[in-house]
Protein backbone atom coordinates (compact mmCIF):
# COMPACT_ATOMS: atom_id res chain seq x y z
CA MET A 1 -99.64 -48.00 91.13
CA PHE A 2 -100.92 -49.48 87.87
CA HIS A 3 -104.08 -47.35 88.31
CA ARG A 4 -101.82 -44.27 88.17
CA LEU A 5 -100.25 -45.48 84.94
CA ILE A 6 -103.70 -45.95 83.37
CA MET A 7 -104.80 -42.55 84.58
CA GLY A 8 -101.66 -40.97 83.16
CA ALA A 9 -102.29 -42.58 79.78
CA LYS A 10 -105.92 -41.37 79.77
CA LEU A 11 -104.71 -37.88 80.71
CA MET A 12 -102.29 -37.85 77.80
CA HIS A 13 -105.05 -39.06 75.43
CA PHE A 14 -107.42 -36.42 76.72
CA SER A 15 -104.81 -33.73 76.46
CA ALA A 16 -104.06 -34.65 72.86
CA SER A 17 -107.63 -33.70 71.88
CA GLN A 18 -107.47 -30.28 73.57
CA PRO A 19 -106.11 -27.10 71.93
CA ILE A 20 -102.49 -26.28 72.72
CA THR A 21 -102.41 -23.68 75.50
CA TRP A 22 -100.01 -22.87 78.33
CA SER A 23 -102.11 -24.80 80.80
CA TYR A 24 -102.23 -27.69 78.35
CA VAL A 25 -98.43 -27.78 78.17
CA MET A 26 -98.08 -27.64 81.95
CA ASN A 27 -100.60 -30.41 82.50
CA THR A 28 -98.89 -32.56 79.89
CA ALA A 29 -95.46 -32.01 81.53
CA ARG A 30 -96.87 -32.89 84.95
CA GLY A 31 -98.39 -36.03 83.53
CA LEU A 32 -95.12 -37.12 81.91
CA LEU A 33 -93.18 -36.40 85.10
CA GLN A 34 -95.64 -38.41 87.14
CA THR A 35 -95.43 -41.31 84.68
CA ALA A 36 -91.60 -41.24 84.81
CA ARG A 37 -91.64 -41.27 88.59
CA THR A 38 -94.04 -44.18 88.63
CA THR A 39 -91.91 -46.12 86.12
CA LEU A 40 -88.71 -45.55 88.10
CA THR A 41 -90.49 -46.62 91.27
CA VAL A 42 -91.61 -49.86 89.63
CA PHE A 43 -88.10 -50.64 88.34
CA GLY A 44 -86.55 -49.75 91.69
CA LEU A 45 -88.90 -52.02 93.62
CA SER A 46 -88.30 -54.81 91.09
CA ALA A 47 -84.52 -54.45 91.49
CA VAL A 48 -84.80 -54.53 95.28
CA ALA A 49 -86.97 -57.65 95.07
CA MET A 50 -84.48 -59.34 92.73
CA LEU A 51 -81.54 -58.54 95.01
CA GLY A 52 -83.43 -59.89 97.98
CA LEU A 53 -84.20 -63.09 96.10
CA LEU A 54 -80.55 -63.53 95.07
CA TYR A 55 -79.42 -62.91 98.63
CA THR A 56 -81.84 -65.39 100.21
CA ASN A 57 -81.93 -68.13 97.55
CA ASP A 58 -78.47 -69.61 96.88
CA SER A 59 -79.59 -72.00 94.13
CA PHE A 60 -81.30 -69.19 92.21
CA ALA A 61 -78.23 -66.97 92.58
CA LYS A 62 -76.01 -69.80 91.28
CA ARG A 63 -78.23 -70.30 88.22
CA VAL A 64 -78.19 -66.58 87.46
CA SER A 65 -74.39 -66.54 87.79
CA GLU A 66 -74.07 -69.48 85.37
CA MET A 67 -76.32 -67.72 82.86
CA LEU A 68 -74.25 -64.52 83.01
CA HIS A 69 -70.84 -66.26 83.00
CA PRO A 70 -71.09 -69.61 81.17
CA GLN A 71 -68.15 -71.95 81.71
CA PRO A 72 -66.18 -72.96 78.59
CA VAL A 73 -66.82 -76.49 77.46
CA ALA A 74 -63.72 -78.65 77.58
CA VAL A 75 -62.84 -80.04 74.18
CA ALA A 76 -60.82 -83.22 74.00
CA SER A 77 -57.70 -82.60 71.97
CA ALA A 78 -56.01 -85.13 69.77
CA PRO A 79 -52.80 -86.66 71.13
CA VAL A 80 -49.74 -84.72 70.07
CA ALA A 81 -46.90 -86.68 68.59
CA VAL A 82 -43.60 -86.25 70.41
CA VAL A 83 -40.81 -85.25 68.03
CA ALA A 84 -37.19 -85.61 69.06
CA PRO A 85 -35.48 -82.18 69.18
CA LYS A 86 -33.01 -81.41 66.43
CA PRO A 87 -29.40 -80.59 67.31
CA MET A 88 -29.06 -76.88 68.02
CA PRO A 89 -26.64 -74.93 65.79
CA ALA A 90 -23.64 -73.47 67.59
CA ALA A 91 -24.57 -69.89 66.68
CA GLU A 92 -28.05 -70.35 68.16
CA ALA A 93 -26.54 -71.89 71.29
CA VAL A 94 -24.34 -68.82 71.75
CA ALA A 95 -27.37 -66.54 71.35
CA ILE A 96 -29.27 -68.52 73.98
CA GLU A 97 -26.28 -68.35 76.30
CA THR A 98 -26.21 -64.55 75.89
CA THR A 99 -29.94 -64.35 76.68
CA HIS A 100 -29.44 -66.57 79.73
CA LEU A 101 -26.70 -64.28 81.00
CA ARG A 102 -28.96 -61.25 80.62
CA ALA A 103 -31.79 -63.03 82.38
CA THR A 104 -29.60 -64.01 85.33
CA GLN A 105 -27.61 -60.81 85.62
CA ALA A 106 -30.02 -59.55 88.27
CA ALA A 107 -28.87 -62.33 90.59
CA PRO A 108 -26.63 -61.14 93.41
CA SER A 109 -22.98 -61.31 92.38
CA SER A 110 -19.87 -61.29 94.50
CA LYS A 111 -18.69 -58.01 95.91
CA GLN A 112 -15.58 -58.20 93.76
CA GLN A 113 -17.61 -58.44 90.57
CA GLN A 114 -19.90 -55.65 91.71
CA TYR A 115 -16.97 -53.34 92.45
CA VAL A 116 -15.44 -54.08 89.05
CA THR A 117 -18.76 -53.68 87.22
CA ASN A 118 -19.55 -50.29 88.76
CA TRP A 119 -16.05 -48.96 88.14
CA LEU A 120 -15.88 -50.08 84.49
CA SER A 121 -19.40 -48.80 83.84
CA LYS A 122 -18.44 -45.31 84.98
CA ARG A 123 -14.95 -45.32 83.50
CA TYR A 124 -16.02 -46.33 79.99
CA ARG A 125 -19.56 -44.93 80.14
CA VAL A 126 -21.28 -48.24 79.60
CA ALA A 127 -24.80 -48.98 80.84
CA GLY A 128 -24.81 -50.83 84.14
CA ASP A 129 -26.71 -53.87 82.83
CA ALA A 130 -24.40 -54.18 79.82
CA ALA A 131 -21.29 -53.84 81.98
CA ASN A 132 -22.67 -56.48 84.35
CA MET A 133 -23.19 -58.90 81.46
CA LEU A 134 -19.66 -58.34 80.14
CA VAL A 135 -18.05 -58.74 83.55
CA SER A 136 -20.10 -61.86 84.30
CA THR A 137 -19.10 -63.38 80.96
CA ALA A 138 -15.43 -62.57 81.58
CA TYR A 139 -15.55 -64.22 85.02
CA LEU A 140 -17.29 -67.34 83.69
CA THR A 141 -14.85 -67.64 80.78
CA ALA A 142 -11.83 -67.07 83.00
CA HIS A 143 -13.02 -69.71 85.46
CA GLU A 144 -13.41 -72.23 82.66
CA LEU A 145 -10.07 -71.45 80.98
CA LYS A 146 -8.12 -70.88 84.23
CA LEU A 147 -7.27 -67.25 83.46
CA ASP A 148 -7.48 -64.14 85.59
CA PRO A 149 -10.80 -62.43 84.74
CA LEU A 150 -9.31 -59.03 85.45
CA LEU A 151 -6.64 -59.58 82.80
CA ILE A 152 -9.38 -60.42 80.27
CA LEU A 153 -11.28 -57.28 81.25
CA ALA A 154 -8.10 -55.20 81.00
CA VAL A 155 -7.52 -56.43 77.43
CA MET A 156 -11.15 -55.69 76.57
CA ALA A 157 -10.86 -52.19 78.02
CA ILE A 158 -7.67 -51.29 76.15
CA GLU A 159 -8.63 -52.98 72.89
CA SER A 160 -12.18 -51.65 72.44
CA GLY A 161 -13.19 -49.54 75.43
CA LEU A 162 -15.83 -52.25 76.10
CA ASN A 163 -17.46 -51.59 72.73
CA PRO A 164 -18.72 -54.93 71.34
CA PHE A 165 -19.04 -53.47 67.82
CA ALA A 166 -15.55 -51.98 67.52
CA GLU A 167 -13.53 -52.80 64.39
CA SER A 168 -9.94 -51.95 63.46
CA PRO A 169 -8.74 -50.91 59.97
CA MET A 170 -7.36 -54.43 59.48
CA GLY A 171 -10.64 -56.14 60.43
CA ALA A 172 -10.08 -56.99 64.10
CA LYS A 173 -13.56 -57.08 65.61
CA GLY A 174 -15.42 -56.94 68.88
CA LEU A 175 -14.56 -56.49 72.51
CA MET A 176 -11.16 -58.18 72.30
CA GLN A 177 -10.42 -57.14 68.69
CA VAL A 178 -10.07 -60.64 67.30
CA MET A 179 -9.07 -61.30 63.69
CA ALA A 180 -11.91 -63.65 62.77
CA LYS A 181 -10.33 -64.62 59.43
CA VAL A 182 -7.08 -65.62 61.11
CA HIS A 183 -8.63 -67.44 64.07
CA HIS A 184 -11.57 -68.98 62.21
CA ASP A 185 -10.79 -72.38 63.73
CA LYS A 186 -11.51 -71.10 67.23
CA PHE A 187 -14.76 -69.53 66.06
CA GLU A 188 -16.06 -72.83 64.71
CA GLU A 189 -17.18 -73.87 68.19
CA VAL A 190 -19.24 -70.70 68.68
CA GLY A 191 -20.94 -70.29 65.33
CA GLY A 192 -18.18 -69.41 62.86
CA PRO A 193 -16.45 -66.11 62.01
CA GLN A 194 -19.80 -64.32 61.73
CA ALA A 195 -20.10 -64.60 65.54
CA ALA A 196 -17.15 -62.23 66.04
CA LEU A 197 -19.49 -59.42 67.16
CA ASN A 198 -21.29 -61.66 69.62
CA PRO A 199 -19.96 -60.55 73.05
CA VAL A 200 -19.96 -64.06 74.54
CA ALA A 201 -18.24 -65.63 71.51
CA ASN A 202 -15.74 -62.78 71.17
CA ILE A 203 -14.69 -62.91 74.82
CA ARG A 204 -14.26 -66.67 74.73
CA VAL A 205 -12.21 -66.72 71.52
CA GLY A 206 -10.10 -63.74 72.63
CA ALA A 207 -9.39 -65.41 75.97
CA LEU A 208 -8.40 -68.65 74.22
CA ILE A 209 -5.98 -66.74 71.98
CA LEU A 210 -4.51 -64.85 74.93
CA LYS A 211 -4.01 -68.04 76.92
CA ASP A 212 -2.34 -69.71 73.94
CA TYR A 213 0.09 -66.80 73.46
CA VAL A 214 0.96 -66.64 77.16
CA LYS A 215 1.63 -70.37 77.10
CA ARG A 216 3.80 -70.14 73.98
CA THR A 217 5.89 -67.15 75.05
CA GLY A 218 6.18 -68.14 78.69
CA SER A 219 5.13 -64.76 80.10
CA VAL A 220 2.18 -62.39 80.25
CA GLU A 221 4.23 -59.60 78.68
CA GLY A 222 5.22 -61.82 75.76
CA GLY A 223 1.64 -63.04 75.38
CA LEU A 224 0.31 -59.47 75.20
CA LYS A 225 2.98 -58.47 72.70
CA THR A 226 2.04 -61.37 70.43
CA TYR A 227 -1.67 -60.69 70.97
CA VAL A 228 -1.36 -57.15 69.59
CA GLY A 229 0.53 -58.47 66.56
CA ALA A 230 4.01 -57.28 67.55
CA GLY A 231 5.54 -60.66 68.31
CA ASN A 232 8.33 -60.22 65.77
CA LEU A 233 8.85 -56.50 66.46
CA ASP A 234 11.17 -54.84 68.94
CA SER A 235 8.35 -52.89 70.61
CA ASP A 236 4.59 -53.17 71.04
CA SER A 237 4.20 -49.35 71.18
CA GLY A 238 3.27 -49.43 74.85
CA TYR A 239 0.33 -51.80 74.43
CA GLY A 240 1.49 -54.25 77.09
CA ALA A 241 2.18 -51.48 79.60
CA LYS A 242 -1.33 -50.05 79.12
CA VAL A 243 -2.97 -53.43 79.62
CA LEU A 244 -0.90 -54.18 82.72
CA ASN A 245 -1.64 -50.74 84.17
CA GLU A 246 -5.38 -51.30 83.64
CA PHE A 247 -5.00 -54.73 85.20
CA LYS A 248 -3.31 -53.18 88.24
CA LEU A 249 -6.16 -50.68 88.67
CA LEU A 250 -8.77 -53.43 88.38
CA LYS A 251 -6.93 -55.41 91.06
CA GLN A 252 -7.24 -52.46 93.42
CA VAL A 253 -10.90 -51.95 92.52
CA SER A 254 -11.73 -55.62 93.10
CA LYS A 255 -10.38 -55.30 96.65
CA GLY A 256 -12.79 -52.45 97.38
CA GLN A 257 -10.17 -49.71 97.21
CA ASN A 258 -11.26 -46.23 96.16
CA VAL A 259 -9.70 -45.89 92.71
CA PRO A 260 -10.53 -42.72 90.75
CA VAL A 261 -12.67 -43.47 87.73
CA PHE A 262 -10.75 -41.00 85.59
CA THR A 263 -7.01 -41.26 86.14
CA ARG A 264 -4.47 -38.91 84.56
CA SER A 265 -5.21 -40.36 81.17
CA VAL A 266 -7.98 -42.85 80.59
CA PRO A 267 -6.57 -45.31 78.06
CA ALA A 268 -8.25 -44.90 74.70
CA PRO A 269 -9.19 -48.03 72.76
CA ILE A 270 -6.28 -49.27 70.68
CA MET A 271 -7.65 -50.09 67.25
CA ALA A 272 -4.37 -51.62 66.25
CA ALA A 273 -3.80 -52.77 62.71
CA LYS A 274 -3.14 -56.28 63.88
CA GLN A 275 -1.17 -58.59 61.69
CA PRO A 276 -1.37 -62.38 61.94
CA ALA A 277 1.08 -63.32 64.63
CA ALA A 278 3.91 -65.57 63.50
CA GLU A 279 4.52 -68.76 65.36
CA PRO A 280 7.01 -67.81 68.11
CA ALA A 281 9.87 -70.11 68.87
CA LYS A 282 9.36 -72.27 71.91
CA PRO A 283 11.14 -70.72 74.90
CA GLU A 284 13.93 -72.62 76.49
CA ALA A 285 13.31 -73.80 80.00
CA LYS A 286 15.67 -71.34 81.72
CA PRO A 287 15.09 -69.92 85.19
CA LEU A 288 14.23 -66.23 85.15
CA PRO A 289 16.52 -63.98 87.20
CA GLU A 290 14.96 -62.44 90.27
CA ALA A 291 15.82 -58.96 89.02
CA ALA A 292 13.42 -59.44 86.12
CA SER A 293 10.39 -58.52 88.28
CA THR A 294 10.00 -54.75 88.49
CA ALA A 295 7.72 -52.56 90.56
CA SER A 296 5.47 -51.85 87.59
CA THR A 297 4.58 -55.54 87.18
CA ALA A 298 4.69 -56.64 90.80
CA ASN A 299 1.05 -57.78 90.88
CA VAL A 300 0.91 -59.22 87.35
CA PRO A 301 -0.09 -62.91 87.23
CA THR A 302 2.47 -65.36 85.95
CA ALA A 303 2.05 -67.54 82.91
CA ASP A 304 1.55 -70.59 85.14
CA SER A 305 -1.26 -69.00 87.11
CA LEU A 306 -2.99 -67.72 83.97
CA ALA A 307 -2.64 -70.65 81.61
CA GLY A 308 -2.88 -73.35 84.25
CA LEU A 309 0.50 -74.74 83.28
């Protein structure tokens, strides 16, 4: 094999001294082709021999592998000092709570929550994941405050159409249209008035206000009237009736009933120019007449069941 390489080199040297003719070119090309074939044969046999050696000799194969893929050298690191965590600001805590809700929203929820989520998502054209987060937050808040979650969701639907960035001409903000300047004390626990557009904070503060008004007035109707800022007025312009109607529909949906997504008139968000509600007089402890319950409010929760009184 090496003899052929030497002969090819001599042929090329001899050809270089000859005049360039057609036969000279052909002979040179044949010589180069033969040399290339010989070279490829040598490399091929060498590769086969190397593979055979790697296959039969484990120690040699291990050394070759270590040369091609060297292991990183472990470097001893200096001990890290443990620093006690600083208290987390309330606003940051609310943000983490929101992130946690989004991270866990894929967990299987109850059928009732799923029915309500799907219906509200279609009715108010809200993304399914966002609707799931809002419904989950409403249920968690209602469980903590001993309110009906469907009443909270009904207020959210009528007030803002489930828009967390809604704002009224008078400055009521968020899902439950809360006056942050008026109820700044309740916002202190969730990061201050600037957290009014945070869905978790807004739902919690709005639910606290609603529970307080229901407790003060002694009825859900009175609580809704005060919530919309019409506590001292003769009428709430139909606000309470709209909320209670939405609450009634949500009750049916939560039971798995087939409720049309679009009823005769889907309630538009009420961006009411809310005024700070005056302190209502404490109701006298008088028994309510049985005739006070009408068909339109037959399934409305009482103040005791909502406020845990």
